[in-house]
Amino acid sequence: MTEPVPQTRSSLVRDFRALGVRPGTTLLLHASLRSLGWVCGGAPTVVRALLDVLGAAGTLVVPAFTRENRDPSRWSHVRVPEAWWPAIRAELPAFDPAVTPCRELGLIAETVRTWPNAFRSSHPQTSFAAVGFRARELTARHPITSEIGPDSPLGAIEAAGGETLLLGVGYDRCTAFHLAEYRLPGLGRRPNRCVVLTPEGRRWTTYQAAALDDRDFVELGRAFELTSANAVRIGNVGAGTARLLPITSAVTFATTWLPRHRQASEQRASPN
């Protein structure tokens, strides 16, 4: 049995380079710190190692989602008694890009959000945080009705020729696949509520959110690997497994795969 070894900034730099992370890349990161094993210095070491590899012309981006900024009746991350709902609705803090944490996304995402000279987009539920050469540009525009759509930072990352790094996590965390859903005909919308800051102060607002579905993303990712083997680079980073893939290729594949797969699934589920 192989003895575990400590992961350091220099060892992670070697692993990221061996995987294929290149200087100048715009990189969307989804990560599990725990998957890497014991990291000397924790999450900041991982961020420093990635910034070392990306270099001065590269940009590191993470989802900085705040899905708890919604009506408590729709909370899935934590359940609270219904008797508490009125108090929560009355005083749930409004989204503030400079202050609101992204607890659900883990320590690495929160570390990027609070990194010196980090920028964060303005969406009250699905913001992105970025550090590096294109950070300001990528996070500058984020309409409330394009949560993770083509007009969001995610769309800007794709347009910049970005890649996504799944670091110790699976395809169920591959946010980029959602871009394909926005391109499918008949994308549904449903009302969504959140708390925002306005010139008049804190208030609840309702907008029409895209009806997105990531339940088949694991299967989608496996299919992408099988048919686009050269596009997906798989390797070890620390004690974990990492996947590096080009966003444009992944989204193009998903745009074709999703309607066929979902139509077939609906047909199988329908009674004869």
Protein backbone atom coordinates (compact mmCIF):
# COMPACT_ATOMS: atom_id res chain seq x y z
CA MET A 1 0.00 0.00 0.00
CA THR A 2 1.38 3.40 -1.01
CA GLU A 3 2.01 5.74 1.89
CA PRO A 4 0.22 9.10 1.58
CA VAL A 5 2.47 12.07 0.93
CA PRO A 6 1.92 15.75 1.66
CA GLN A 7 0.74 17.92 -1.20
CA THR A 8 2.62 21.19 -1.55
CA ARG A 9 2.53 24.20 -3.83
CA SER A 10 5.39 22.83 -5.94
CA SER A 11 3.95 19.32 -6.17
CA LEU A 12 0.56 20.68 -7.23
CA VAL A 13 2.22 22.89 -9.86
CA ARG A 14 3.86 19.77 -11.30
CA ASP A 15 0.56 17.89 -11.32
CA PHE A 16 -1.38 20.72 -12.96
CA ARG A 17 1.25 21.09 -15.67
CA ALA A 18 1.33 17.34 -16.27
CA LEU A 19 -2.45 17.37 -16.65
CA GLY A 20 -2.19 20.04 -19.35
CA VAL A 21 -3.08 23.31 -17.64
CA ARG A 22 -1.28 25.95 -19.71
CA PRO A 23 -0.15 29.53 -19.16
CA GLY A 24 -2.61 32.11 -20.40
CA THR A 25 -5.66 29.86 -20.07
CA THR A 26 -9.03 31.09 -18.85
CA LEU A 27 -9.83 28.28 -16.42
CA LEU A 28 -13.18 27.54 -14.76
CA LEU A 29 -12.51 25.48 -11.64
CA HIS A 30 -14.79 23.09 -9.79
CA ALA A 31 -12.88 21.54 -6.92
CA SER A 32 -12.92 19.39 -3.81
CA LEU A 33 -10.06 20.24 -1.47
CA ARG A 34 -10.54 16.99 0.44
CA SER A 35 -9.95 14.91 -2.69
CA LEU A 36 -6.35 16.13 -2.94
CA GLY A 37 -5.23 14.64 0.35
CA TRP A 38 -3.36 16.65 2.95
CA VAL A 39 -2.37 19.99 1.41
CA CYS A 40 0.31 22.03 3.13
CA GLY A 41 -1.37 25.41 3.54
CA GLY A 42 -4.84 24.26 2.52
CA ALA A 43 -7.00 25.99 -0.08
CA PRO A 44 -4.70 29.02 -0.57
CA THR A 45 -1.93 26.65 -1.64
CA VAL A 46 -4.15 25.18 -4.35
CA VAL A 47 -5.06 28.64 -5.61
CA ARG A 48 -1.43 29.78 -5.60
CA ALA A 49 -0.36 26.67 -7.50
CA LEU A 50 -2.98 27.25 -10.19
CA LEU A 51 -2.08 30.91 -10.52
CA ASP A 52 1.59 29.91 -10.83
CA VAL A 53 0.73 27.67 -13.77
CA LEU A 54 -1.72 30.07 -15.43
CA GLY A 55 0.77 32.92 -15.27
CA ALA A 56 0.21 36.64 -15.69
CA ALA A 57 -1.93 36.20 -18.82
CA GLY A 58 -4.18 33.52 -17.32
CA THR A 59 -7.43 33.81 -15.37
CA LEU A 60 -8.87 31.57 -12.67
CA VAL A 61 -12.67 31.55 -12.33
CA VAL A 62 -14.91 29.77 -9.83
CA PRO A 63 -18.66 29.62 -9.31
CA ALA A 64 -19.53 31.74 -6.28
CA PHE A 65 -23.17 30.72 -6.11
CA THR A 66 -25.45 31.76 -3.25
CA ARG A 67 -28.45 29.52 -3.70
CA GLU A 68 -29.52 30.14 -0.12
CA ASN A 69 -30.62 33.59 -1.34
CA ARG A 70 -34.11 32.38 -2.11
CA ASP A 71 -37.39 31.84 -0.36
CA PRO A 72 -36.86 29.46 2.60
CA SER A 73 -39.69 27.26 1.35
CA ARG A 74 -37.37 26.29 -1.52
CA TRP A 75 -34.19 25.71 0.47
CA SER A 76 -32.55 22.36 -0.24
CA HIS A 77 -29.16 22.91 1.43
CA VAL A 78 -30.76 23.10 4.87
CA ARG A 79 -34.24 22.56 6.25
CA VAL A 80 -35.67 24.96 8.77
CA PRO A 81 -39.04 24.88 10.57
CA GLU A 82 -41.85 26.46 8.61
CA ALA A 83 -42.56 28.64 11.62
CA TRP A 84 -39.23 30.39 10.95
CA TRP A 85 -40.04 31.35 7.38
CA PRO A 86 -41.65 34.75 8.11
CA ALA A 87 -38.62 35.90 10.12
CA ILE A 88 -36.22 34.69 7.44
CA ARG A 89 -38.20 36.41 4.70
CA ALA A 90 -38.16 39.63 6.70
CA GLU A 91 -34.41 39.68 7.36
CA LEU A 92 -32.56 37.41 4.92
CA PRO A 93 -29.52 39.52 3.92
CA ALA A 94 -29.46 40.87 0.40
CA PHE A 95 -26.70 39.72 -1.93
CA ASP A 96 -23.59 41.87 -1.68
CA PRO A 97 -20.77 40.87 -4.08
CA ALA A 98 -18.12 42.10 -1.65
CA VAL A 99 -19.46 40.37 1.45
CA THR A 100 -21.82 37.47 0.72
CA PRO A 101 -19.94 34.16 1.06
CA CYS A 102 -20.29 31.16 -1.24
CA ARG A 103 -20.29 28.53 1.50
CA GLU A 104 -21.91 25.78 -0.55
CA LEU A 105 -19.09 25.79 -3.12
CA GLY A 106 -16.32 24.83 -0.70
CA LEU A 107 -13.11 26.30 0.65
CA ILE A 108 -11.31 26.71 -2.66
CA ALA A 109 -14.13 28.73 -4.23
CA GLU A 110 -14.43 30.89 -1.13
CA THR A 111 -10.67 31.42 -1.17
CA VAL A 112 -10.78 32.68 -4.76
CA ARG A 113 -13.73 34.94 -3.93
CA THR A 114 -11.73 36.64 -1.17
CA TRP A 115 -8.38 36.66 -3.02
CA PRO A 116 -6.63 40.03 -3.45
CA ASN A 117 -7.84 41.79 -6.60
CA ALA A 118 -10.62 39.26 -7.18
CA PHE A 119 -13.70 40.35 -9.11
CA ARG A 120 -17.21 38.97 -8.68
CA SER A 121 -20.24 39.22 -10.92
CA SER A 122 -23.47 40.77 -9.70
CA HIS A 123 -25.99 37.93 -9.95
CA PRO A 124 -27.69 37.45 -6.56
CA GLN A 125 -27.78 33.65 -6.86
CA THR A 126 -25.28 32.45 -9.49
CA SER A 127 -22.34 34.83 -9.38
CA PHE A 128 -18.81 33.95 -10.50
CA ALA A 129 -15.53 35.11 -8.96
CA ALA A 130 -12.31 35.52 -10.92
CA VAL A 131 -8.66 36.36 -10.40
CA GLY A 132 -6.17 37.22 -13.10
CA PHE A 133 -5.75 38.90 -16.45
CA ARG A 134 -9.39 38.81 -17.64
CA ALA A 135 -11.12 38.78 -14.25
CA ARG A 136 -12.76 42.19 -14.53
CA GLU A 137 -13.87 41.61 -18.14
CA LEU A 138 -15.38 38.18 -17.49
CA THR A 139 -17.41 39.26 -14.46
CA ALA A 140 -18.53 42.68 -15.70
CA ARG A 141 -21.90 41.63 -17.14
CA HIS A 142 -24.39 39.25 -15.54
CA PRO A 143 -28.10 39.89 -16.23
CA ILE A 144 -30.40 38.39 -13.65
CA THR A 145 -32.28 36.32 -16.27
CA SER A 146 -29.06 34.72 -17.58
CA GLU A 147 -28.01 32.89 -14.45
CA ILE A 148 -25.51 30.55 -16.14
CA GLY A 149 -26.47 31.30 -19.72
CA PRO A 150 -24.76 32.87 -22.72
CA ASP A 151 -24.89 36.41 -21.30
CA SER A 152 -23.34 35.35 -17.98
CA PRO A 153 -19.65 35.03 -17.09
CA LEU A 154 -19.98 31.36 -18.06
CA GLY A 155 -20.83 32.40 -21.61
CA ALA A 156 -17.93 34.85 -21.56
CA ILE A 157 -15.55 32.08 -20.49
CA GLU A 158 -16.69 29.94 -23.41
CA ALA A 159 -16.28 32.87 -25.81
CA ALA A 160 -12.74 33.35 -24.49
CA GLY A 161 -11.87 29.76 -25.41
CA GLY A 162 -11.79 28.70 -21.77
CA GLU A 163 -11.37 25.29 -20.24
CA THR A 164 -12.95 23.73 -17.19
CA LEU A 165 -11.07 21.77 -14.55
CA LEU A 166 -12.97 19.19 -12.52
CA LEU A 167 -10.61 18.73 -9.60
CA GLY A 168 -11.70 15.75 -7.54
CA VAL A 169 -15.35 16.20 -8.56
CA GLY A 170 -17.55 14.57 -11.17
CA TYR A 171 -19.45 15.71 -14.21
CA ASP A 172 -22.47 16.48 -12.03
CA ARG A 173 -20.52 19.62 -11.10
CA CYS A 174 -19.75 20.60 -14.71
CA THR A 175 -21.63 23.90 -14.87
CA ALA A 176 -20.52 24.47 -18.48
CA PHE A 177 -22.96 21.81 -19.70
CA HIS A 178 -25.81 24.14 -18.76
CA LEU A 179 -24.83 26.41 -21.65
CA ALA A 180 -26.12 23.69 -23.97
CA GLU A 181 -29.52 23.76 -22.26
CA TYR A 182 -29.91 27.44 -23.13
CA ARG A 183 -29.49 26.52 -26.80
CA LEU A 184 -32.23 23.90 -26.82
CA PRO A 185 -35.66 24.85 -28.15
CA GLY A 186 -38.44 25.12 -25.63
CA LEU A 187 -36.31 25.91 -22.58
CA GLY A 188 -38.83 26.51 -19.82
CA ARG A 189 -38.87 29.34 -17.31
CA ARG A 190 -40.14 29.46 -13.75
CA PRO A 191 -40.43 32.27 -11.21
CA ASN A 192 -37.60 32.61 -8.74
CA ARG A 193 -37.27 34.98 -5.79
CA CYS A 194 -34.19 36.45 -4.14
CA VAL A 195 -33.16 39.44 -2.05
CA VAL A 196 -31.29 42.28 -3.75
CA LEU A 197 -29.94 45.68 -2.82
CA THR A 198 -31.52 48.67 -4.56
CA PRO A 199 -31.05 52.43 -4.15
CA GLU A 200 -34.11 52.27 -1.91
CA GLY A 201 -32.63 49.47 0.19
CA ARG A 202 -33.12 45.73 0.59
CA ARG A 203 -36.04 44.09 -1.21
CA TRP A 204 -37.28 40.80 -2.59
CA THR A 205 -37.43 40.54 -6.36
CA THR A 206 -38.91 37.91 -8.67
CA TYR A 207 -37.48 36.98 -12.04
CA GLN A 208 -38.05 34.23 -14.59
CA ALA A 209 -35.27 31.67 -14.16
CA ALA A 210 -34.35 29.02 -16.71
CA ALA A 211 -35.65 25.55 -15.85
CA LEU A 212 -32.30 23.76 -15.87
CA ASP A 213 -31.65 20.10 -15.09
CA ASP A 214 -28.28 18.51 -14.28
CA ARG A 215 -29.52 15.03 -13.41
CA ASP A 216 -28.06 13.48 -16.57
CA PHE A 217 -24.75 15.35 -16.54
CA VAL A 218 -22.77 12.35 -15.24
CA GLU A 219 -24.00 10.25 -18.15
CA LEU A 220 -23.41 13.16 -20.52
CA GLY A 221 -19.84 13.54 -19.31
CA ARG A 222 -19.10 9.85 -19.74
CA ALA A 223 -20.47 9.97 -23.28
CA PHE A 224 -18.32 13.01 -24.04
CA GLU A 225 -15.23 11.17 -22.81
CA LEU A 226 -15.99 8.12 -24.95
CA THR A 227 -16.57 10.06 -28.15
CA SER A 228 -14.05 12.83 -27.56
CA ALA A 229 -11.25 10.94 -25.86
CA ASN A 230 -8.53 13.31 -27.01
CA ALA A 231 -10.44 16.34 -25.73
CA VAL A 232 -10.63 15.25 -22.10
CA ARG A 233 -7.34 15.09 -20.24
CA ILE A 234 -7.47 12.88 -17.15
CA GLY A 235 -4.76 12.65 -14.53
CA ASN A 236 -3.89 12.68 -10.88
CA VAL A 237 -3.60 15.91 -8.94
CA GLY A 238 -2.50 15.20 -5.43
CA ALA A 239 -4.42 12.18 -4.23
CA GLY A 240 -7.40 12.94 -6.47
CA THR A 241 -8.44 12.52 -10.07
CA ALA A 242 -8.78 15.58 -12.28
CA ARG A 243 -10.38 16.17 -15.67
CA LEU A 244 -9.52 19.08 -17.93
CA LEU A 245 -11.78 19.77 -20.90
CA PRO A 246 -12.36 22.53 -23.46
CA ILE A 247 -15.67 24.24 -22.78
CA THR A 248 -16.61 24.88 -26.41
CA SER A 249 -16.18 21.23 -27.41
CA ALA A 250 -18.07 20.02 -24.34
CA VAL A 251 -20.99 22.39 -24.93
CA THR A 252 -21.16 21.58 -28.65
CA PHE A 253 -21.33 17.88 -27.83
CA ALA A 254 -23.96 18.45 -25.13
CA THR A 255 -26.13 20.50 -27.47
CA THR A 256 -26.50 17.43 -29.69
CA TRP A 257 -26.54 14.77 -26.97
CA LEU A 258 -29.04 16.29 -24.54
CA PRO A 259 -32.15 16.47 -26.77
CA ARG A 260 -31.64 12.93 -28.08
CA HIS A 261 -31.05 11.48 -24.65
CA ARG A 262 -33.87 13.33 -22.93
CA GLN A 263 -36.35 12.52 -25.67
CA ALA A 264 -35.43 8.84 -25.41
CA SER A 265 -35.75 8.97 -21.62
CA GLU A 266 -39.19 10.55 -21.86
CA GLN A 267 -40.31 7.89 -24.32
CA ARG A 268 -39.12 5.12 -22.00
CA ALA A 269 -40.93 6.72 -19.08
CA SER A 270 -44.22 7.18 -20.96
CA PRO A 271 -46.78 4.39 -20.63
CA ASN A 272 -47.66 2.49 -23.83
